[in-house]
Amino acid sequence: MEIGRQTCDALRAALARDGFVHIPSLLPLAQVEALRDAAARLTTAARRGDWPHIRTLPKQFPPWPSTPGPEGIWGVQHLLHPSNPHAGEFAESYFGDAVMGVCKALLQAGDDELVMELYNMLVRPDGDFELRWHRDDIPPEVPPEEELARLTEGEALHAQWNLALYEDRSLVVVPGSQNRARTEGERGAGPYEPELPGMKVVVMQPGDWRE
């Protein structure tokens, strides 16, 4: 999918301002239905212990064991692994023109420059579970000066994108916080603080895409 210059500029401006971009209905519902079927089959295999690449409760960060524990799982890893019988369905979305077009537009990269890494899936936990507030690459104990330096050094060379197969409210962000160090209030908040000033719950519908 070719992204026009005006749309590309608007997407990049939103990414720079808010730290994320939300694109409604990037994938058609027919493709979403096919992905739902593949996702359900692989998740069932993972929950019964037939797929070793999983994220287990209650652990947020790797490493995870290869078999589900008594608390269950909250993620399935390596969707493109050749031993996954549904890898083809996932590959169609991962390398499809819709996703690739937006990725190239946002990163301003061509086919020869783009490197795609990781394709994983978050699933409904088997019990109550939430992720702590975090930055992906900066530990919470880093002092403000170092935090700001690490946030602003160099040009962003990678991005993470997410695709919704069902209505999704899992992304909770503070728009614009990617451009600054945390405030004293944010530093003093609990890791699972239910409310932070300026926070936004990003609501996605099936087929929506965010980066």
C-alpha atoms as a PDB file:
ATOM      1  CA  MET A   1       0.000   0.000   0.000  1.00  0.00           C
ATOM      2  CA  GLU A   2       1.456   3.312  -1.107  1.00  0.00           C
ATOM      3  CA  ILE A   3       1.203   6.105   1.486  1.00  0.00           C
ATOM      4  CA  GLY A   4       0.767   9.616   0.069  1.00  0.00           C
ATOM      5  CA  ARG A   5       3.106  12.385   1.142  1.00  0.00           C
ATOM      6  CA  GLN A   6       0.416  14.314   3.031  1.00  0.00           C
ATOM      7  CA  THR A   7      -0.728  11.219   4.921  1.00  0.00           C
ATOM      8  CA  CYS A   8       2.870  10.207   5.634  1.00  0.00           C
ATOM      9  CA  ASP A   9       3.685  13.649   7.046  1.00  0.00           C
ATOM     10  CA  ALA A  10       0.566  13.582   9.238  1.00  0.00           C
ATOM     11  CA  LEU A  11       1.419  10.109  10.574  1.00  0.00           C
ATOM     12  CA  ARG A  12       5.001  11.064  11.344  1.00  0.00           C
ATOM     13  CA  ALA A  13       3.856  14.269  13.054  1.00  0.00           C
ATOM     14  CA  ALA A  14       1.441  12.292  15.251  1.00  0.00           C
ATOM     15  CA  LEU A  15       4.169   9.781  16.107  1.00  0.00           C
ATOM     16  CA  ALA A  16       6.584  12.565  17.080  1.00  0.00           C
ATOM     17  CA  ARG A  17       3.931  14.377  19.129  1.00  0.00           C
ATOM     18  CA  ASP A  18       2.177  11.510  20.916  1.00  0.00           C
ATOM     19  CA  GLY A  19       4.638   8.633  20.726  1.00  0.00           C
ATOM     20  CA  PHE A  20       2.187   6.383  18.862  1.00  0.00           C
ATOM     21  CA  VAL A  21      -0.023   6.286  15.759  1.00  0.00           C
ATOM     22  CA  HIS A  22      -3.476   4.661  15.586  1.00  0.00           C
ATOM     23  CA  ILE A  23      -4.822   3.682  12.160  1.00  0.00           C
ATOM     24  CA  PRO A  24      -8.407   2.335  12.138  1.00  0.00           C
ATOM     25  CA  SER A  25      -9.344  -0.626   9.903  1.00  0.00           C
ATOM     26  CA  LEU A  26      -5.938  -1.136   8.307  1.00  0.00           C
ATOM     27  CA  LEU A  27      -6.787  -4.796   7.626  1.00  0.00           C
ATOM     28  CA  PRO A  28     -10.128  -5.907   6.124  1.00  0.00           C
ATOM     29  CA  LEU A  29     -12.464  -7.954   8.302  1.00  0.00           C
ATOM     30  CA  ALA A  30     -12.087 -11.045   6.082  1.00  0.00           C
ATOM     31  CA  GLN A  31      -8.370 -11.110   6.849  1.00  0.00           C
ATOM     32  CA  VAL A  32      -9.067 -10.428  10.523  1.00  0.00           C
ATOM     33  CA  GLU A  33     -11.381 -13.471  10.620  1.00  0.00           C
ATOM     34  CA  ALA A  34      -8.672 -15.692   9.108  1.00  0.00           C
ATOM     35  CA  LEU A  35      -6.167 -14.394  11.661  1.00  0.00           C
ATOM     36  CA  ARG A  36      -8.627 -14.986  14.495  1.00  0.00           C
ATOM     37  CA  ASP A  37      -8.960 -18.623  13.465  1.00  0.00           C
ATOM     38  CA  ALA A  38      -5.188 -19.120  13.266  1.00  0.00           C
ATOM     39  CA  ALA A  39      -4.699 -17.299  16.575  1.00  0.00           C
ATOM     40  CA  ALA A  40      -7.325 -19.387  18.362  1.00  0.00           C
ATOM     41  CA  ARG A  41      -5.821 -22.665  17.157  1.00  0.00           C
ATOM     42  CA  LEU A  42      -2.276 -21.711  18.154  1.00  0.00           C
ATOM     43  CA  THR A  43      -3.415 -20.356  21.529  1.00  0.00           C
ATOM     44  CA  THR A  44      -5.248 -23.604  22.273  1.00  0.00           C
ATOM     45  CA  ALA A  45      -2.081 -25.556  21.459  1.00  0.00           C
ATOM     46  CA  ALA A  46      -0.021 -23.251  23.676  1.00  0.00           C
ATOM     47  CA  ARG A  47      -2.397 -23.562  26.629  1.00  0.00           C
ATOM     48  CA  ARG A  48      -2.310 -27.345  26.526  1.00  0.00           C
ATOM     49  CA  GLY A  49       1.507 -27.372  26.344  1.00  0.00           C
ATOM     50  CA  ASP A  50       1.922 -28.227  22.647  1.00  0.00           C
ATOM     51  CA  TRP A  51       3.608 -24.918  21.708  1.00  0.00           C
ATOM     52  CA  PRO A  52       6.720 -24.076  23.782  1.00  0.00           C
ATOM     53  CA  HIS A  53       7.098 -20.411  22.805  1.00  0.00           C
ATOM     54  CA  ILE A  54       4.904 -18.690  25.385  1.00  0.00           C
ATOM     55  CA  ARG A  55       4.696 -15.920  27.977  1.00  0.00           C
ATOM     56  CA  THR A  56       3.608 -17.306  31.328  1.00  0.00           C
ATOM     57  CA  LEU A  57       1.814 -15.662  34.229  1.00  0.00           C
ATOM     58  CA  PRO A  58       2.662 -13.813  36.391  1.00  0.00           C
ATOM     59  CA  LYS A  59       6.007 -12.889  34.751  1.00  0.00           C
ATOM     60  CA  GLN A  60       6.134  -9.689  32.679  1.00  0.00           C
ATOM     61  CA  PHE A  61       9.632  -9.953  31.220  1.00  0.00           C
ATOM     62  CA  PRO A  62      11.666 -12.868  29.751  1.00  0.00           C
ATOM     63  CA  PRO A  63      12.891 -15.491  30.133  1.00  0.00           C
ATOM     64  CA  TRP A  64       9.721 -17.568  30.353  1.00  0.00           C
ATOM     65  CA  PRO A  65       9.472 -21.361  30.728  1.00  0.00           C
ATOM     66  CA  SER A  66       8.429 -23.494  27.766  1.00  0.00           C
ATOM     67  CA  THR A  67       5.410 -25.061  29.465  1.00  0.00           C
ATOM     68  CA  PRO A  68       2.395 -23.310  31.020  1.00  0.00           C
ATOM     69  CA  GLY A  69       2.332 -23.184  34.802  1.00  0.00           C
ATOM     70  CA  PRO A  70      -0.768 -23.355  36.994  1.00  0.00           C
ATOM     71  CA  GLU A  71      -1.497 -19.654  36.404  1.00  0.00           C
ATOM     72  CA  GLY A  72      -1.550 -20.010  32.602  1.00  0.00           C
ATOM     73  CA  ILE A  73      -0.210 -17.805  29.812  1.00  0.00           C
ATOM     74  CA  TRP A  74      -0.630 -14.268  28.514  1.00  0.00           C
ATOM     75  CA  GLY A  75       1.297 -14.486  25.259  1.00  0.00           C
ATOM     76  CA  VAL A  76       2.326 -16.730  22.368  1.00  0.00           C
ATOM     77  CA  GLN A  77       5.707 -16.182  20.723  1.00  0.00           C
ATOM     78  CA  HIS A  78       7.298 -16.826  17.312  1.00  0.00           C
ATOM     79  CA  LEU A  79       4.221 -16.798  15.089  1.00  0.00           C
ATOM     80  CA  LEU A  80       6.378 -17.195  11.964  1.00  0.00           C
ATOM     81  CA  HIS A  81       8.281 -20.233  13.246  1.00  0.00           C
ATOM     82  CA  PRO A  82       8.364 -22.876  10.463  1.00  0.00           C
ATOM     83  CA  SER A  83       6.890 -25.487  12.806  1.00  0.00           C
ATOM     84  CA  ASN A  84       3.760 -23.376  13.300  1.00  0.00           C
ATOM     85  CA  PRO A  85       1.113 -24.836  10.940  1.00  0.00           C
ATOM     86  CA  HIS A  86      -0.562 -21.410  10.777  1.00  0.00           C
ATOM     87  CA  ALA A  87       2.584 -19.414   9.971  1.00  0.00           C
ATOM     88  CA  GLY A  88       1.312 -18.649   6.465  1.00  0.00           C
ATOM     89  CA  GLU A  89      -1.730 -16.731   7.715  1.00  0.00           C
ATOM     90  CA  PHE A  90       0.423 -14.667  10.048  1.00  0.00           C
ATOM     91  CA  ALA A  91       3.031 -14.033   7.346  1.00  0.00           C
ATOM     92  CA  GLU A  92       0.359 -12.595   5.041  1.00  0.00           C
ATOM     93  CA  SER A  93      -0.392  -9.887   7.593  1.00  0.00           C
ATOM     94  CA  TYR A  94       3.224  -9.362   8.640  1.00  0.00           C
ATOM     95  CA  PHE A  95       4.614  -8.878   5.135  1.00  0.00           C
ATOM     96  CA  GLY A  96       1.433  -7.600   3.482  1.00  0.00           C
ATOM     97  CA  ASP A  97       1.327  -4.311   1.606  1.00  0.00           C
ATOM     98  CA  ALA A  98      -0.874  -2.619   4.225  1.00  0.00           C
ATOM     99  CA  VAL A  99       1.489  -3.133   7.160  1.00  0.00           C
ATOM    100  CA  MET A 100       4.694  -2.770   5.161  1.00  0.00           C
ATOM    101  CA  GLY A 101       3.462   0.428   3.534  1.00  0.00           C
ATOM    102  CA  VAL A 102       2.814   2.146   6.854  1.00  0.00           C
ATOM    103  CA  CYS A 103       6.079   0.880   8.367  1.00  0.00           C
ATOM    104  CA  LYS A 104       8.094   2.214   5.445  1.00  0.00           C
ATOM    105  CA  ALA A 105       6.289   5.547   5.554  1.00  0.00           C
ATOM    106  CA  LEU A 106       6.831   6.065   9.279  1.00  0.00           C
ATOM    107  CA  LEU A 107      10.464   4.952   9.277  1.00  0.00           C
ATOM    108  CA  GLN A 108      11.178   6.533   5.879  1.00  0.00           C
ATOM    109  CA  ALA A 109      12.805   3.292   4.777  1.00  0.00           C
ATOM    110  CA  GLY A 110      12.752   1.350   1.530  1.00  0.00           C
ATOM    111  CA  ASP A 111      12.384  -2.389   1.037  1.00  0.00           C
ATOM    112  CA  ASP A 112      16.148  -2.908   1.116  1.00  0.00           C
ATOM    113  CA  GLU A 113      16.522  -0.947   4.369  1.00  0.00           C
ATOM    114  CA  LEU A 114      13.668  -2.408   6.398  1.00  0.00           C
ATOM    115  CA  VAL A 115      14.372  -5.235   8.844  1.00  0.00           C
ATOM    116  CA  MET A 116      11.325  -6.931  10.371  1.00  0.00           C
ATOM    117  CA  GLU A 117      11.905  -8.601  13.729  1.00  0.00           C
ATOM    118  CA  LEU A 118       9.629 -10.617  16.001  1.00  0.00           C
ATOM    119  CA  TYR A 119       5.977 -11.466  15.545  1.00  0.00           C
ATOM    120  CA  ASN A 120       4.306 -12.369  18.817  1.00  0.00           C
ATOM    121  CA  MET A 121       0.752 -12.421  20.132  1.00  0.00           C
ATOM    122  CA  LEU A 122      -0.776 -11.294  23.405  1.00  0.00           C
ATOM    123  CA  VAL A 123      -3.730 -13.405  24.525  1.00  0.00           C
ATOM    124  CA  ARG A 124      -6.406 -13.150  27.184  1.00  0.00           C
ATOM    125  CA  PRO A 125      -4.758 -14.103  30.482  1.00  0.00           C
ATOM    126  CA  ASP A 126      -6.163 -17.056  32.373  1.00  0.00           C
ATOM    127  CA  GLY A 127      -6.464 -14.801  35.451  1.00  0.00           C
ATOM    128  CA  ASP A 128      -6.251 -11.144  36.432  1.00  0.00           C
ATOM    129  CA  PHE A 129      -2.992  -9.685  35.133  1.00  0.00           C
ATOM    130  CA  GLU A 130      -1.621  -6.257  34.294  1.00  0.00           C
ATOM    131  CA  LEU A 131       1.707  -4.891  33.127  1.00  0.00           C
ATOM    132  CA  ARG A 132       3.591  -2.342  35.183  1.00  0.00           C
ATOM    133  CA  TRP A 133       4.317   1.136  33.857  1.00  0.00           C
ATOM    134  CA  HIS A 134       7.539   0.937  31.887  1.00  0.00           C
ATOM    135  CA  ARG A 135       9.699   2.246  29.098  1.00  0.00           C
ATOM    136  CA  ASP A 136      10.869  -0.566  26.843  1.00  0.00           C
ATOM    137  CA  ASP A 137      14.577   0.314  26.870  1.00  0.00           C
ATOM    138  CA  ILE A 138      15.117   2.350  30.055  1.00  0.00           C
ATOM    139  CA  PRO A 139      14.980   0.842  33.572  1.00  0.00           C
ATOM    140  CA  PRO A 140      12.886   2.718  36.177  1.00  0.00           C
ATOM    141  CA  GLU A 141      15.885   3.427  38.422  1.00  0.00           C
ATOM    142  CA  VAL A 142      17.727   5.508  35.788  1.00  0.00           C
ATOM    143  CA  PRO A 143      18.167   9.145  37.014  1.00  0.00           C
ATOM    144  CA  PRO A 144      16.376  11.963  35.136  1.00  0.00           C
ATOM    145  CA  GLU A 145      19.466  13.329  33.372  1.00  0.00           C
ATOM    146  CA  GLU A 146      20.448   9.929  31.987  1.00  0.00           C
ATOM    147  CA  GLU A 147      16.835   9.141  31.112  1.00  0.00           C
ATOM    148  CA  LEU A 148      16.496  12.315  29.035  1.00  0.00           C
ATOM    149  CA  ALA A 149      19.856  11.733  27.342  1.00  0.00           C
ATOM    150  CA  ARG A 150      18.884   8.201  26.349  1.00  0.00           C
ATOM    151  CA  LEU A 151      15.493   9.361  25.074  1.00  0.00           C
ATOM    152  CA  THR A 152      16.948  12.060  22.854  1.00  0.00           C
ATOM    153  CA  GLU A 153      20.195  10.525  21.608  1.00  0.00           C
ATOM    154  CA  GLY A 154      20.321   9.817  17.879  1.00  0.00           C
ATOM    155  CA  GLU A 155      17.476   9.123  15.482  1.00  0.00           C
ATOM    156  CA  ALA A 156      14.843   6.470  16.115  1.00  0.00           C
ATOM    157  CA  LEU A 157      15.675   3.445  13.975  1.00  0.00           C
ATOM    158  CA  HIS A 158      12.974   1.027  15.057  1.00  0.00           C
ATOM    159  CA  ALA A 159       9.305   0.906  16.004  1.00  0.00           C
ATOM    160  CA  GLN A 160       6.908  -1.611  17.501  1.00  0.00           C
ATOM    161  CA  TRP A 161       3.491  -2.117  15.961  1.00  0.00           C
ATOM    162  CA  ASN A 162       0.385  -3.867  17.238  1.00  0.00           C
ATOM    163  CA  LEU A 163      -2.640  -5.258  15.409  1.00  0.00           C
ATOM    164  CA  ALA A 164      -6.024  -5.841  17.085  1.00  0.00           C
ATOM    165  CA  LEU A 165      -8.083  -8.943  16.293  1.00  0.00           C
ATOM    166  CA  TYR A 166     -10.752  -7.996  18.837  1.00  0.00           C
ATOM    167  CA  GLU A 167     -11.649  -4.799  20.668  1.00  0.00           C
ATOM    168  CA  ASP A 168      -8.536  -3.934  22.644  1.00  0.00           C
ATOM    169  CA  ARG A 169      -7.783  -1.526  25.486  1.00  0.00           C
ATOM    170  CA  SER A 170      -4.390  -2.847  26.540  1.00  0.00           C
ATOM    171  CA  LEU A 171      -2.282   0.173  25.552  1.00  0.00           C
ATOM    172  CA  VAL A 172      -2.250   2.853  28.253  1.00  0.00           C
ATOM    173  CA  VAL A 173       0.087   5.750  27.509  1.00  0.00           C
ATOM    174  CA  VAL A 174       0.950   9.285  28.542  1.00  0.00           C
ATOM    175  CA  PRO A 175       1.096  11.011  25.128  1.00  0.00           C
ATOM    176  CA  GLY A 176       4.245  13.064  24.630  1.00  0.00           C
ATOM    177  CA  SER A 177       6.143  11.439  27.495  1.00  0.00           C
ATOM    178  CA  GLN A 178       8.518   9.802  25.009  1.00  0.00           C
ATOM    179  CA  ASN A 179      10.171  13.220  24.570  1.00  0.00           C
ATOM    180  CA  ARG A 180      10.923  13.932  28.227  1.00  0.00           C
ATOM    181  CA  ALA A 181      12.141  12.419  31.456  1.00  0.00           C
ATOM    182  CA  ARG A 182       9.475  11.276  33.879  1.00  0.00           C
ATOM    183  CA  THR A 183       8.029  13.877  36.222  1.00  0.00           C
ATOM    184  CA  GLU A 184       8.518  13.591  39.977  1.00  0.00           C
ATOM    185  CA  GLY A 185       4.926  12.409  40.231  1.00  0.00           C
ATOM    186  CA  GLU A 186       5.510   9.671  37.653  1.00  0.00           C
ATOM    187  CA  ARG A 187       8.722   8.590  39.371  1.00  0.00           C
ATOM    188  CA  GLY A 188       6.970   8.402  42.720  1.00  0.00           C
ATOM    189  CA  ALA A 189       3.929   6.541  41.431  1.00  0.00           C
ATOM    190  CA  GLY A 190       3.501   2.860  42.090  1.00  0.00           C
ATOM    191  CA  PRO A 191       4.427   0.478  39.263  1.00  0.00           C
ATOM    192  CA  TYR A 192       0.740  -0.437  38.839  1.00  0.00           C
ATOM    193  CA  GLU A 193      -0.703   3.026  39.505  1.00  0.00           C
ATOM    194  CA  PRO A 194      -4.241   2.998  38.024  1.00  0.00           C
ATOM    195  CA  GLU A 195      -4.213   6.683  37.049  1.00  0.00           C
ATOM    196  CA  LEU A 196      -1.453   9.078  35.981  1.00  0.00           C
ATOM    197  CA  PRO A 197      -1.920  12.712  34.904  1.00  0.00           C
ATOM    198  CA  GLY A 198      -2.493  12.922  31.154  1.00  0.00           C
ATOM    199  CA  MET A 199      -2.776   9.167  30.613  1.00  0.00           C
ATOM    200  CA  LYS A 200      -4.827   7.828  27.704  1.00  0.00           C
ATOM    201  CA  VAL A 201      -6.348   4.393  27.101  1.00  0.00           C
ATOM    202  CA  VAL A 202      -6.043   3.637  23.377  1.00  0.00           C
ATOM    203  CA  VAL A 203      -9.195   1.820  22.243  1.00  0.00           C
ATOM    204  CA  MET A 204      -8.715  -0.349  19.155  1.00  0.00           C
ATOM    205  CA  GLN A 205     -11.274  -2.217  17.076  1.00  0.00           C
ATOM    206  CA  PRO A 206     -10.698  -5.394  14.993  1.00  0.00           C
ATOM    207  CA  GLY A 207      -8.325  -4.640  12.128  1.00  0.00           C
ATOM    208  CA  ASP A 208      -6.970  -1.467  13.747  1.00  0.00           C
ATOM    209  CA  TRP A 209      -3.219  -0.941  13.802  1.00  0.00           C
ATOM    210  CA  ARG A 210      -0.958   1.135  16.014  1.00  0.00           C
ATOM    211  CA  GLU A 211       2.760   1.870  16.112  1.00  0.00           C
END
